[in-house]
C-alpha atoms as a PDB file:
ATOM      1  CA  UNK A   1    -148.200 287.995 -62.492  1.00  0.00           C
ATOM      2  CA  UNK A   2    -150.804 285.640 -64.300  1.00  0.00           C
ATOM      3  CA  UNK A   3    -147.932 284.531 -66.524  1.00  0.00           C
ATOM      4  CA  UNK A   4    -145.606 283.683 -63.773  1.00  0.00           C
ATOM      5  CA  UNK A   5    -148.209 281.731 -61.928  1.00  0.00           C
ATOM      6  CA  UNK A   6    -149.084 279.842 -65.017  1.00  0.00           C
ATOM      7  CA  UNK A   7    -145.321 279.100 -65.605  1.00  0.00           C
ATOM      8  CA  UNK A   8    -144.939 277.943 -61.998  1.00  0.00           C
ATOM      9  CA  UNK A   9    -147.972 275.620 -62.250  1.00  0.00           C
ATOM     10  CA  UNK A  10    -146.561 274.267 -65.455  1.00  0.00           C
ATOM     11  CA  UNK A  11    -143.073 273.856 -63.892  1.00  0.00           C
ATOM     12  CA  UNK A  12    -144.780 271.976 -61.011  1.00  0.00           C
ATOM     13  CA  UNK A  13    -146.645 269.688 -63.351  1.00  0.00           C
ATOM     14  CA  UNK A  14    -143.587 268.843 -65.385  1.00  0.00           C
ATOM     15  CA  UNK A  15    -141.422 268.288 -62.236  1.00  0.00           C
ATOM     16  CA  UNK A  16    -144.136 265.886 -60.818  1.00  0.00           C
ATOM     17  CA  UNK A  17    -144.321 263.947 -64.251  1.00  0.00           C
ATOM     18  CA  UNK A  18    -140.460 263.852 -64.393  1.00  0.00           C
ATOM     19  CA  UNK A  19    -140.517 262.544 -60.751  1.00  0.00           C
ATOM     20  CA  UNK A  20    -142.912 259.825 -61.726  1.00  0.00           C
ATOM     21  CA  UNK A  21    -140.803 258.992 -64.798  1.00  0.00           C
ATOM     22  CA  UNK A  22    -137.684 258.847 -62.641  1.00  0.00           C
ATOM     23  CA  UNK A  23    -139.327 256.716 -60.112  1.00  0.00           C
ATOM     24  CA  UNK A  24    -140.508 254.109 -62.648  1.00  0.00           C
ATOM     25  CA  UNK A  25    -137.591 254.407 -64.793  1.00  0.00           C
ATOM     26  CA  UNK A  26    -137.139 252.381 -68.214  1.00  0.00           C
ATOM     27  CA  UNK A  27    -139.009 249.061 -68.535  1.00  0.00           C
ATOM     28  CA  UNK A  28    -137.839 246.806 -71.460  1.00  0.00           C
ATOM     29  CA  UNK A  29    -140.701 244.881 -73.005  1.00  0.00           C
ATOM     30  CA  UNK A  30    -140.385 242.086 -75.601  1.00  0.00           C
ATOM     31  CA  UNK A  31    -142.425 242.972 -78.728  1.00  0.00           C
ATOM     32  CA  UNK A  32    -143.149 239.436 -79.923  1.00  0.00           C
ATOM     33  CA  UNK A  33    -143.235 238.802 -83.521  1.00  0.00           C
ATOM     34  CA  UNK A  34    -146.572 237.383 -83.714  1.00  0.00           C
ATOM     35  CA  UNK A  35    -149.890 239.392 -83.766  1.00  0.00           C
ATOM     36  CA  UNK A  36    -151.390 238.641 -80.297  1.00  0.00           C
ATOM     37  CA  UNK A  37    -147.899 239.009 -78.792  1.00  0.00           C
ATOM     38  CA  UNK A  38    -147.399 242.293 -80.421  1.00  0.00           C
ATOM     39  CA  UNK A  39    -150.748 243.545 -79.335  1.00  0.00           C
ATOM     40  CA  UNK A  40    -150.081 242.553 -75.793  1.00  0.00           C
ATOM     41  CA  UNK A  41    -146.852 244.265 -75.792  1.00  0.00           C
ATOM     42  CA  UNK A  42    -148.498 247.583 -77.097  1.00  0.00           C
ATOM     43  CA  UNK A  43    -151.158 247.236 -74.457  1.00  0.00           C
ATOM     44  CA  UNK A  44    -148.470 247.018 -71.706  1.00  0.00           C
ATOM     45  CA  UNK A  45    -146.723 249.915 -73.246  1.00  0.00           C
ATOM     46  CA  UNK A  46    -149.519 252.192 -73.404  1.00  0.00           C
ATOM     47  CA  UNK A  47    -150.613 251.283 -69.687  1.00  0.00           C
ATOM     48  CA  UNK A  48    -147.057 251.556 -68.262  1.00  0.00           C
ATOM     49  CA  UNK A  49    -146.118 254.897 -70.067  1.00  0.00           C
ATOM     50  CA  UNK A  50    -149.616 256.779 -69.537  1.00  0.00           C
ATOM     51  CA  UNK A  51    -150.851 254.980 -66.352  1.00  0.00           C
ATOM     52  CA  UNK A  52    -147.450 254.674 -64.549  1.00  0.00           C
ATOM     53  CA  UNK A  53    -145.061 257.118 -65.922  1.00  0.00           C
ATOM     54  CA  UNK A  54    -142.710 254.614 -67.193  1.00  0.00           C
ATOM     55  CA  UNK A  55    -140.403 254.683 -70.100  1.00  0.00           C
ATOM     56  CA  UNK A  56    -140.929 251.670 -72.239  1.00  0.00           C
ATOM     57  CA  UNK A  57    -138.198 250.204 -74.501  1.00  0.00           C
ATOM     58  CA  UNK A  58    -139.337 247.621 -76.895  1.00  0.00           C
ATOM     59  CA  UNK A  59    -137.039 244.711 -77.641  1.00  0.00           C
ATOM     60  CA  UNK A  60    -137.662 242.491 -80.623  1.00  0.00           C
ATOM     61  CA  UNK A  61    -139.008 239.063 -79.292  1.00  0.00           C
ATOM     62  CA  UNK A  62    -139.633 235.474 -79.969  1.00  0.00           C
ATOM     63  CA  UNK A  63    -140.409 232.654 -77.612  1.00  0.00           C
ATOM     64  CA  UNK A  64    -137.008 230.890 -77.330  1.00  0.00           C
ATOM     65  CA  UNK A  65    -134.617 233.651 -77.614  1.00  0.00           C
ATOM     66  CA  UNK A  66    -136.570 236.144 -75.362  1.00  0.00           C
ATOM     67  CA  UNK A  67    -136.949 233.613 -72.387  1.00  0.00           C
ATOM     68  CA  UNK A  68    -133.258 232.525 -72.780  1.00  0.00           C
ATOM     69  CA  UNK A  69    -132.227 236.117 -72.763  1.00  0.00           C
ATOM     70  CA  UNK A  70    -134.288 236.754 -69.621  1.00  0.00           C
ATOM     71  CA  UNK A  71    -132.784 233.735 -67.846  1.00  0.00           C
ATOM     72  CA  UNK A  72    -129.048 234.365 -68.909  1.00  0.00           C
ATOM     73  CA  UNK A  73    -128.827 238.121 -69.316  1.00  0.00           C
ATOM     74  CA  UNK A  74    -131.887 239.441 -67.242  1.00  0.00           C
ATOM     75  CA  UNK A  75    -133.320 241.345 -70.298  1.00  0.00           C
ATOM     76  CA  UNK A  76    -135.933 242.213 -71.176  1.00  0.00           C
ATOM     77  CA  UNK A  77    -137.885 242.986 -68.051  1.00  0.00           C
ATOM     78  CA  UNK A  78    -141.202 241.620 -69.548  1.00  0.00           C
ATOM     79  CA  UNK A  79    -142.194 238.757 -71.820  1.00  0.00           C
ATOM     80  CA  UNK A  80    -145.982 239.516 -71.915  1.00  0.00           C
ATOM     81  CA  UNK A  81    -147.132 236.459 -73.917  1.00  0.00           C
ATOM     82  CA  UNK A  82    -144.625 233.683 -72.974  1.00  0.00           C
ATOM     83  CA  UNK A  83    -145.590 230.277 -74.281  1.00  0.00           C
ATOM     84  CA  UNK A  84    -143.670 228.597 -71.449  1.00  0.00           C
ATOM     85  CA  UNK A  85    -144.681 224.974 -72.516  1.00  0.00           C
ATOM     86  CA  UNK A  86    -142.571 225.331 -75.577  1.00  0.00           C
ATOM     87  CA  UNK A  87    -139.302 225.783 -73.486  1.00  0.00           C
ATOM     88  CA  UNK A  88    -140.058 223.948 -70.160  1.00  0.00           C
ATOM     89  CA  UNK A  89    -136.406 223.348 -69.185  1.00  0.00           C
ATOM     90  CA  UNK A  90    -135.192 227.016 -69.703  1.00  0.00           C
ATOM     91  CA  UNK A  91    -138.318 228.131 -67.742  1.00  0.00           C
ATOM     92  CA  UNK A  92    -137.750 225.631 -65.062  1.00  0.00           C
ATOM     93  CA  UNK A  93    -134.059 226.660 -64.801  1.00  0.00           C
ATOM     94  CA  UNK A  94    -134.797 230.405 -64.660  1.00  0.00           C
ATOM     95  CA  UNK A  95    -137.430 230.095 -62.047  1.00  0.00           C
ATOM     96  CA  UNK A  96    -135.457 227.800 -59.852  1.00  0.00           C
ATOM     97  CA  UNK A  97    -132.654 230.029 -60.088  1.00  0.00           C
ATOM     98  CA  UNK A  98    -134.727 233.150 -59.172  1.00  0.00           C
ATOM     99  CA  UNK A  99    -133.778 234.712 -62.525  1.00  0.00           C
ATOM    100  CA  UNK A 100    -137.317 235.076 -63.870  1.00  0.00           C
ATOM    101  CA  UNK A 101    -140.851 235.083 -62.124  1.00  0.00           C
ATOM    102  CA  UNK A 102    -144.000 233.817 -63.574  1.00  0.00           C
ATOM    103  CA  UNK A 103    -146.510 236.456 -62.273  1.00  0.00           C
ATOM    104  CA  UNK A 104    -149.923 235.550 -64.088  1.00  0.00           C
ATOM    105  CA  UNK A 105    -151.685 234.141 -66.981  1.00  0.00           C
ATOM    106  CA  UNK A 106    -151.489 236.207 -70.070  1.00  0.00           C
ATOM    107  CA  UNK A 107    -154.163 233.919 -71.659  1.00  0.00           C
ATOM    108  CA  UNK A 108    -156.709 233.085 -69.003  1.00  0.00           C
ATOM    109  CA  UNK A 109    -157.992 230.078 -70.946  1.00  0.00           C
ATOM    110  CA  UNK A 110    -154.655 229.081 -72.349  1.00  0.00           C
ATOM    111  CA  UNK A 111    -153.450 228.612 -75.931  1.00  0.00           C
ATOM    112  CA  UNK A 112    -156.020 226.399 -77.643  1.00  0.00           C
ATOM    113  CA  UNK A 113    -155.374 223.952 -80.431  1.00  0.00           C
ATOM    114  CA  UNK A 114    -157.770 221.196 -81.939  1.00  0.00           C
ATOM    115  CA  UNK A 115    -160.249 220.346 -84.495  1.00  0.00           C
ATOM    116  CA  UNK A 116    -162.860 223.180 -85.136  1.00  0.00           C
ATOM    117  CA  UNK A 117    -166.300 223.206 -87.048  1.00  0.00           C
ATOM    118  CA  UNK A 118    -168.273 226.451 -87.823  1.00  0.00           C
ATOM    119  CA  UNK A 119    -170.712 227.580 -85.145  1.00  0.00           C
ATOM    120  CA  UNK A 120    -173.481 227.578 -87.795  1.00  0.00           C
ATOM    121  CA  UNK A 121    -173.072 223.943 -88.058  1.00  0.00           C
ATOM    122  CA  UNK A 122    -173.278 223.647 -84.141  1.00  0.00           C
ATOM    123  CA  UNK A 123    -176.354 225.859 -84.007  1.00  0.00           C
ATOM    124  CA  UNK A 124    -178.106 223.645 -86.695  1.00  0.00           C
ATOM    125  CA  UNK A 125    -176.940 220.361 -85.199  1.00  0.00           C
ATOM    126  CA  UNK A 126    -176.506 220.843 -81.484  1.00  0.00           C
ATOM    127  CA  UNK A 127    -175.913 217.052 -80.905  1.00  0.00           C
ATOM    128  CA  UNK A 128    -172.421 217.425 -82.529  1.00  0.00           C
ATOM    129  CA  UNK A 129    -170.078 218.090 -79.635  1.00  0.00           C
ATOM    130  CA  UNK A 130    -167.143 215.657 -79.882  1.00  0.00           C
ATOM    131  CA  UNK A 131    -164.907 214.446 -82.722  1.00  0.00           C
ATOM    132  CA  UNK A 132    -166.734 211.198 -82.853  1.00  0.00           C
ATOM    133  CA  UNK A 133    -170.015 213.003 -83.283  1.00  0.00           C
ATOM    134  CA  UNK A 134    -168.561 215.067 -86.273  1.00  0.00           C
ATOM    135  CA  UNK A 135    -167.174 211.903 -87.925  1.00  0.00           C
ATOM    136  CA  UNK A 136    -170.558 210.452 -87.888  1.00  0.00           C
ATOM    137  CA  UNK A 137    -171.653 212.934 -90.422  1.00  0.00           C
ATOM    138  CA  UNK A 138    -169.347 213.036 -93.526  1.00  0.00           C
ATOM    139  CA  UNK A 139    -172.115 214.591 -95.427  1.00  0.00           C
ATOM    140  CA  UNK A 140    -172.046 217.638 -93.305  1.00  0.00           C
ATOM    141  CA  UNK A 141    -168.214 218.201 -93.993  1.00  0.00           C
ATOM    142  CA  UNK A 142    -167.926 217.230 -97.633  1.00  0.00           C
ATOM    143  CA  UNK A 143    -164.540 217.019 -99.287  1.00  0.00           C
ATOM    144  CA  UNK A 144    -164.368 219.890-101.988  1.00  0.00           C
ATOM    145  CA  UNK A 145    -162.896 217.452-104.382  1.00  0.00           C
ATOM    146  CA  UNK A 146    -165.039 214.365-103.741  1.00  0.00           C
ATOM    147  CA  UNK A 147    -168.428 215.218-102.190  1.00  0.00           C
ATOM    148  CA  UNK A 148    -169.088 211.428-101.440  1.00  0.00           C
ATOM    149  CA  UNK A 149    -166.483 211.781 -98.734  1.00  0.00           C
ATOM    150  CA  UNK A 150    -166.108 213.900 -95.662  1.00  0.00           C
ATOM    151  CA  UNK A 151    -162.976 215.969 -95.108  1.00  0.00           C
ATOM    152  CA  UNK A 152    -160.686 216.796 -92.224  1.00  0.00           C
ATOM    153  CA  UNK A 153    -158.244 219.493 -93.130  1.00  0.00           C
ATOM    154  CA  UNK A 154    -154.926 218.864 -91.154  1.00  0.00           C
ATOM    155  CA  UNK A 155    -152.470 221.327 -90.030  1.00  0.00           C
ATOM    156  CA  UNK A 156    -149.989 223.060 -92.400  1.00  0.00           C
ATOM    157  CA  UNK A 157    -147.073 220.781 -93.757  1.00  0.00           C
ATOM    158  CA  UNK A 158    -144.145 220.601 -91.215  1.00  0.00           C
ATOM    159  CA  UNK A 159    -146.226 221.841 -88.341  1.00  0.00           C
ATOM    160  CA  UNK A 160    -146.813 220.056 -84.954  1.00  0.00           C
ATOM    161  CA  UNK A 161    -150.527 220.329 -85.777  1.00  0.00           C
ATOM    162  CA  UNK A 162    -150.038 218.263 -88.943  1.00  0.00           C
ATOM    163  CA  UNK A 163    -148.399 215.280 -87.053  1.00  0.00           C
ATOM    164  CA  UNK A 164    -150.791 215.204 -84.303  1.00  0.00           C
ATOM    165  CA  UNK A 165    -153.792 215.690 -86.714  1.00  0.00           C
ATOM    166  CA  UNK A 166    -152.499 212.783 -88.802  1.00  0.00           C
ATOM    167  CA  UNK A 167    -152.094 210.619 -85.704  1.00  0.00           C
ATOM    168  CA  UNK A 168    -155.593 211.513 -84.302  1.00  0.00           C
ATOM    169  CA  UNK A 169    -157.231 210.837 -87.625  1.00  0.00           C
ATOM    170  CA  UNK A 170    -155.905 207.345 -87.287  1.00  0.00           C
ATOM    171  CA  UNK A 171    -156.955 207.072 -83.749  1.00  0.00           C
ATOM    172  CA  UNK A 172    -160.470 208.003 -84.522  1.00  0.00           C
ATOM    173  CA  UNK A 173    -160.600 205.750 -87.506  1.00  0.00           C
ATOM    174  CA  UNK A 174    -161.426 208.609 -89.868  1.00  0.00           C
ATOM    175  CA  UNK A 175    -160.904 206.545 -93.096  1.00  0.00           C
ATOM    176  CA  UNK A 176    -163.334 203.934 -92.046  1.00  0.00           C
ATOM    177  CA  UNK A 177    -165.866 206.520 -91.252  1.00  0.00           C
ATOM    178  CA  UNK A 178    -165.706 207.758 -94.816  1.00  0.00           C
ATOM    179  CA  UNK A 179    -163.472 210.609 -94.256  1.00  0.00           C
ATOM    180  CA  UNK A 180    -160.315 211.859 -95.989  1.00  0.00           C
ATOM    181  CA  UNK A 181    -157.478 213.584 -94.296  1.00  0.00           C
ATOM    182  CA  UNK A 182    -156.827 216.698 -96.529  1.00  0.00           C
ATOM    183  CA  UNK A 183    -153.231 218.361 -96.520  1.00  0.00           C
ATOM    184  CA  UNK A 184    -153.848 222.131 -97.022  1.00  0.00           C
ATOM    185  CA  UNK A 185    -149.991 222.588 -97.868  1.00  0.00           C
ATOM    186  CA  UNK A 186    -149.377 225.967 -96.252  1.00  0.00           C
ATOM    187  CA  UNK A 187    -150.922 227.941 -93.572  1.00  0.00           C
ATOM    188  CA  UNK A 188    -152.301 230.208 -96.350  1.00  0.00           C
ATOM    189  CA  UNK A 189    -153.952 226.989 -97.891  1.00  0.00           C
ATOM    190  CA  UNK A 190    -155.491 226.055 -94.529  1.00  0.00           C
ATOM    191  CA  UNK A 191    -156.759 229.767 -93.909  1.00  0.00           C
ATOM    192  CA  UNK A 192    -158.174 229.896 -97.404  1.00  0.00           C
ATOM    193  CA  UNK A 193    -160.024 226.525 -97.224  1.00  0.00           C
ATOM    194  CA  UNK A 194    -161.694 227.585 -93.893  1.00  0.00           C
ATOM    195  CA  UNK A 195    -162.671 231.084 -95.267  1.00  0.00           C
ATOM    196  CA  UNK A 196    -164.043 229.941 -98.320  1.00  0.00           C
ATOM    197  CA  UNK A 197    -166.095 227.250 -96.710  1.00  0.00           C
ATOM    198  CA  UNK A 198    -167.558 229.788 -94.135  1.00  0.00           C
ATOM    199  CA  UNK A 199    -168.238 232.467 -96.607  1.00  0.00           C
ATOM    200  CA  UNK A 200    -170.331 229.826 -98.558  1.00  0.00           C
ATOM    201  CA  UNK A 201    -171.930 228.514 -95.429  1.00  0.00           C
ATOM    202  CA  UNK A 202    -170.585 225.138 -96.098  1.00  0.00           C
ATOM    203  CA  UNK A 203    -169.524 222.610 -93.559  1.00  0.00           C
ATOM    204  CA  UNK A 204    -165.704 222.508 -92.547  1.00  0.00           C
ATOM    205  CA  UNK A 205    -163.913 220.360 -90.055  1.00  0.00           C
ATOM    206  CA  UNK A 206    -160.167 220.754 -89.318  1.00  0.00           C
ATOM    207  CA  UNK A 207    -157.228 221.827 -87.346  1.00  0.00           C
ATOM    208  CA  UNK A 208    -156.863 225.287 -86.001  1.00  0.00           C
ATOM    209  CA  UNK A 209    -155.810 227.147 -82.833  1.00  0.00           C
ATOM    210  CA  UNK A 210    -156.384 230.372 -80.788  1.00  0.00           C
ATOM    211  CA  UNK A 211    -155.681 233.028 -80.288  1.00  0.00           C
ATOM    212  CA  UNK A 212    -156.000 234.025 -84.024  1.00  0.00           C
ATOM    213  CA  UNK A 213    -157.632 236.789 -86.036  1.00  0.00           C
ATOM    214  CA  UNK A 214    -159.469 234.306 -88.286  1.00  0.00           C
ATOM    215  CA  UNK A 215    -161.196 232.728 -85.273  1.00  0.00           C
ATOM    216  CA  UNK A 216    -162.326 236.393 -84.479  1.00  0.00           C
ATOM    217  CA  UNK A 217    -163.575 236.794 -87.828  1.00  0.00           C
ATOM    218  CA  UNK A 218    -165.325 233.337 -88.289  1.00  0.00           C
ATOM    219  CA  UNK A 219    -166.973 231.922 -85.335  1.00  0.00           C
ATOM    220  CA  UNK A 220    -165.866 228.426 -84.834  1.00  0.00           C
ATOM    221  CA  UNK A 221    -166.389 225.521 -82.174  1.00  0.00           C
ATOM    222  CA  UNK A 222    -163.646 223.386 -81.049  1.00  0.00           C
ATOM    223  CA  UNK A 223    -164.796 219.855 -80.600  1.00  0.00           C
ATOM    224  CA  UNK A 224    -164.472 217.843 -77.609  1.00  0.00           C
ATOM    225  CA  UNK A 225    -162.186 214.859 -77.740  1.00  0.00           C
ATOM    226  CA  UNK A 226    -164.395 212.608 -75.817  1.00  0.00           C
ATOM    227  CA  UNK A 227    -161.644 211.489 -73.652  1.00  0.00           C
ATOM    228  CA  UNK A 228    -159.374 213.383 -71.275  1.00  0.00           C
ATOM    229  CA  UNK A 229    -155.854 214.449 -72.098  1.00  0.00           C
ATOM    230  CA  UNK A 230    -153.278 211.743 -71.409  1.00  0.00           C
ATOM    231  CA  UNK A 231    -149.973 213.368 -71.303  1.00  0.00           C
ATOM    232  CA  UNK A 232    -148.037 210.063 -71.329  1.00  0.00           C
ATOM    233  CA  UNK A 233    -149.850 208.845 -74.376  1.00  0.00           C
ATOM    234  CA  UNK A 234    -149.458 212.127 -76.046  1.00  0.00           C
ATOM    235  CA  UNK A 235    -145.803 212.023 -75.761  1.00  0.00           C
ATOM    236  CA  UNK A 236    -145.534 208.303 -76.562  1.00  0.00           C
ATOM    237  CA  UNK A 237    -147.499 208.164 -79.693  1.00  0.00           C
ATOM    238  CA  UNK A 238    -149.863 211.183 -80.618  1.00  0.00           C
ATOM    239  CA  UNK A 239    -146.905 213.454 -81.276  1.00  0.00           C
ATOM    240  CA  UNK A 240    -144.696 210.816 -83.245  1.00  0.00           C
ATOM    241  CA  UNK A 241    -145.343 210.551 -86.958  1.00  0.00           C
ATOM    242  CA  UNK A 242    -144.019 206.864 -87.143  1.00  0.00           C
ATOM    243  CA  UNK A 243    -146.003 205.593 -84.107  1.00  0.00           C
ATOM    244  CA  UNK A 244    -148.239 202.866 -85.351  1.00  0.00           C
ATOM    245  CA  UNK A 245    -150.929 202.647 -82.732  1.00  0.00           C
ATOM    246  CA  UNK A 246    -152.183 206.100 -81.610  1.00  0.00           C
ATOM    247  CA  UNK A 247    -154.955 206.411 -79.283  1.00  0.00           C
ATOM    248  CA  UNK A 248    -157.834 208.997 -78.970  1.00  0.00           C
ATOM    249  CA  UNK A 249    -156.502 211.926 -76.998  1.00  0.00           C
ATOM    250  CA  UNK A 250    -157.433 215.544 -76.009  1.00  0.00           C
ATOM    251  CA  UNK A 251    -155.268 218.358 -77.195  1.00  0.00           C
ATOM    252  CA  UNK A 252    -153.429 219.962 -74.223  1.00  0.00           C
ATOM    253  CA  UNK A 253    -153.942 223.638 -73.437  1.00  0.00           C
ATOM    254  CA  UNK A 254    -150.690 225.463 -73.747  1.00  0.00           C
ATOM    255  CA  UNK A 255    -149.768 227.545 -70.506  1.00  0.00           C
ATOM    256  CA  UNK A 256    -149.222 231.113 -71.820  1.00  0.00           C
ATOM    257  CA  UNK A 257    -147.772 233.047 -68.860  1.00  0.00           C
ATOM    258  CA  UNK A 258    -146.405 236.646 -68.144  1.00  0.00           C
ATOM    259  CA  UNK A 259    -142.765 236.472 -67.321  1.00  0.00           C
ATOM    260  CA  UNK A 260    -140.791 239.300 -65.578  1.00  0.00           C
ATOM    261  CA  UNK A 261    -137.030 239.701 -64.670  1.00  0.00           C
ATOM    262  CA  UNK A 262    -135.743 239.386 -61.176  1.00  0.00           C
ATOM    263  CA  UNK A 263    -134.881 243.077 -61.564  1.00  0.00           C
ATOM    264  CA  UNK A 264    -138.458 244.159 -62.133  1.00  0.00           C
ATOM    265  CA  UNK A 265    -139.784 241.741 -59.466  1.00  0.00           C
ATOM    266  CA  UNK A 266    -137.609 243.040 -56.753  1.00  0.00           C
ATOM    267  CA  UNK A 267    -137.245 246.455 -57.841  1.00  0.00           C
ATOM    268  CA  UNK A 268    -139.066 249.732 -56.626  1.00  0.00           C
ATOM    269  CA  UNK A 269    -142.239 249.289 -58.913  1.00  0.00           C
ATOM    270  CA  UNK A 270    -144.692 247.104 -56.950  1.00  0.00           C
ATOM    271  CA  UNK A 271    -147.562 248.715 -58.596  1.00  0.00           C
ATOM    272  CA  UNK A 272    -146.187 247.929 -62.218  1.00  0.00           C
ATOM    273  CA  UNK A 273    -145.761 244.262 -61.002  1.00  0.00           C
ATOM    274  CA  UNK A 274    -149.241 244.157 -59.464  1.00  0.00           C
ATOM    275  CA  UNK A 275    -150.607 245.344 -62.846  1.00  0.00           C
ATOM    276  CA  UNK A 276    -148.801 242.746 -64.853  1.00  0.00           C
ATOM    277  CA  UNK A 277    -149.809 240.060 -62.506  1.00  0.00           C
ATOM    278  CA  UNK A 278    -153.598 240.985 -62.837  1.00  0.00           C
ATOM    279  CA  UNK A 279    -153.402 241.630 -66.607  1.00  0.00           C
ATOM    280  CA  UNK A 280    -155.191 238.686 -68.209  1.00  0.00           C
ATOM    281  CA  UNK A 281    -157.689 238.159 -71.165  1.00  0.00           C
ATOM    282  CA  UNK A 282    -159.168 235.352 -72.937  1.00  0.00           C
ATOM    283  CA  UNK A 283    -159.082 233.968 -76.492  1.00  0.00           C
ATOM    284  CA  UNK A 284    -162.329 235.447 -77.532  1.00  0.00           C
ATOM    285  CA  UNK A 285    -161.240 239.024 -76.663  1.00  0.00           C
ATOM    286  CA  UNK A 286    -157.899 238.680 -78.325  1.00  0.00           C
ATOM    287  CA  UNK A 287    -159.375 237.107 -81.445  1.00  0.00           C
ATOM    288  CA  UNK A 288    -161.981 239.890 -81.662  1.00  0.00           C
ATOM    289  CA  UNK A 289    -159.204 242.535 -81.505  1.00  0.00           C
ATOM    290  CA  UNK A 290    -156.936 240.919 -83.797  1.00  0.00           C
ATOM    291  CA  UNK A 291    -159.736 240.477 -86.407  1.00  0.00           C
ATOM    292  CA  UNK A 292    -160.342 244.093 -86.131  1.00  0.00           C
ATOM    293  CA  UNK A 293    -156.531 244.798 -86.656  1.00  0.00           C
ATOM    294  CA  UNK A 294    -156.504 242.458 -89.745  1.00  0.00           C
ATOM    295  CA  UNK A 295    -159.584 244.256 -91.353  1.00  0.00           C
ATOM    296  CA  UNK A 296    -158.205 247.561 -90.538  1.00  0.00           C
ATOM    297  CA  UNK A 297    -154.636 246.599 -91.483  1.00  0.00           C
ATOM    298  CA  UNK A 298    -153.534 248.051 -88.094  1.00  0.00           C
ATOM    299  CA  UNK A 299    -150.544 247.309 -86.113  1.00  0.00           C
ATOM    300  CA  UNK A 300    -150.028 246.669 -82.358  1.00  0.00           C
ATOM    301  CA  UNK A 301    -150.053 250.353 -81.391  1.00  0.00           C
ATOM    302  CA  UNK A 302    -153.606 251.000 -83.049  1.00  0.00           C
ATOM    303  CA  UNK A 303    -154.758 247.620 -81.843  1.00  0.00           C
ATOM    304  CA  UNK A 304    -153.935 248.540 -78.186  1.00  0.00           C
ATOM    305  CA  UNK A 305    -155.936 251.928 -78.418  1.00  0.00           C
ATOM    306  CA  UNK A 306    -158.796 249.946 -79.909  1.00  0.00           C
ATOM    307  CA  UNK A 307    -158.708 247.473 -77.098  1.00  0.00           C
ATOM    308  CA  UNK A 308    -158.539 250.105 -74.395  1.00  0.00           C
ATOM    309  CA  UNK A 309    -161.389 252.040 -75.867  1.00  0.00           C
ATOM    310  CA  UNK A 310    -163.581 248.895 -76.524  1.00  0.00           C
ATOM    311  CA  UNK A 311    -163.016 246.829 -73.500  1.00  0.00           C
ATOM    312  CA  UNK A 312    -162.977 249.231 -70.554  1.00  0.00           C
ATOM    313  CA  UNK A 313    -164.872 246.909 -68.341  1.00  0.00           C
ATOM    314  CA  UNK A 314    -161.910 244.512 -68.621  1.00  0.00           C
ATOM    315  CA  UNK A 315    -158.847 246.620 -68.361  1.00  0.00           C
ATOM    316  CA  UNK A 316    -160.068 248.833 -65.607  1.00  0.00           C
ATOM    317  CA  UNK A 317    -160.035 245.661 -63.322  1.00  0.00           C
ATOM    318  CA  UNK A 318    -156.238 245.546 -63.722  1.00  0.00           C
ATOM    319  CA  UNK A 319    -155.302 248.972 -62.470  1.00  0.00           C
ATOM    320  CA  UNK A 320    -156.287 251.459 -59.447  1.00  0.00           C
ATOM    321  CA  UNK A 321    -158.839 254.029 -60.186  1.00  0.00           C
ATOM    322  CA  UNK A 322    -156.246 256.791 -60.402  1.00  0.00           C
ATOM    323  CA  UNK A 323    -154.149 254.878 -62.971  1.00  0.00           C
ATOM    324  CA  UNK A 324    -157.465 254.119 -64.887  1.00  0.00           C
ATOM    325  CA  UNK A 325    -158.257 257.857 -65.075  1.00  0.00           C
ATOM    326  CA  UNK A 326    -154.685 258.575 -66.481  1.00  0.00           C
ATOM    327  CA  UNK A 327    -155.020 255.986 -69.237  1.00  0.00           C
ATOM    328  CA  UNK A 328    -158.451 257.337 -70.041  1.00  0.00           C
ATOM    329  CA  UNK A 329    -157.004 260.852 -70.361  1.00  0.00           C
ATOM    330  CA  UNK A 330    -154.510 259.627 -72.762  1.00  0.00           C
ATOM    331  CA  UNK A 331    -156.842 257.679 -75.078  1.00  0.00           C
END
């Protein structure tokens, strides 16, 4: 009799779980091919599967093909970290036609680019807050090949960061302030220069962006531009390599949103949609988790578990109490 009761209880639990899975169904999620995008996709997968009983299917993702596919084919259902400013016309068309819905900010403080200096420099020289402040101290940011000059490390060759960096170097009159614009060549070259300087506690000034694992490992401070962002001037000259008269300008913050398909937005999973609309984190959190992933040589799946264990105070605000308990039990 005890065995019959146990079997009946197990069958009831399995039936309930199957009903939950059936009710949620399959959700397709873009597994983006960069570290922060992969991490967020795996966080969503864990939450949707263990918290809401969904079956999550990953689809390989990248900004342009993923968003284009969502607009034209209705798949995938979720693009968790969508850098929508990179494809504004596609996003505009998809939104106006009701094919996609922007339901929240994946990165609460946006994607960030700019010129950075080490935090230990700021701690020692709190008066350095802007680009002009930093360029007033070439002795603090010595060129590794010529200590009589300061150095500004530009973005990798061929990147948008290298074009804008060169134009801003002209706008801020870097040469006349005894600075040299250093071409790091590749991304590895830029990373190596920053890491080497930081490990030696030497000054470093240059282009970088967030979210990245490197800024999770090495605390850096982004310099203020000293002027507001001028979108017209940015488009006219700051982003044009051959423009002769660039003006000082602030790097714009990229709008990084969560996009969902019309099918998911209008379907029978309002709780899932509510979660995705609330699910947002800042660069500091993402950087710290990616730094752990890099040091541990971990992929997105392990990174998601690490995040869910270490940042309960954050993700528990994204879901109801009963969903949070299910996620906790699965960790």
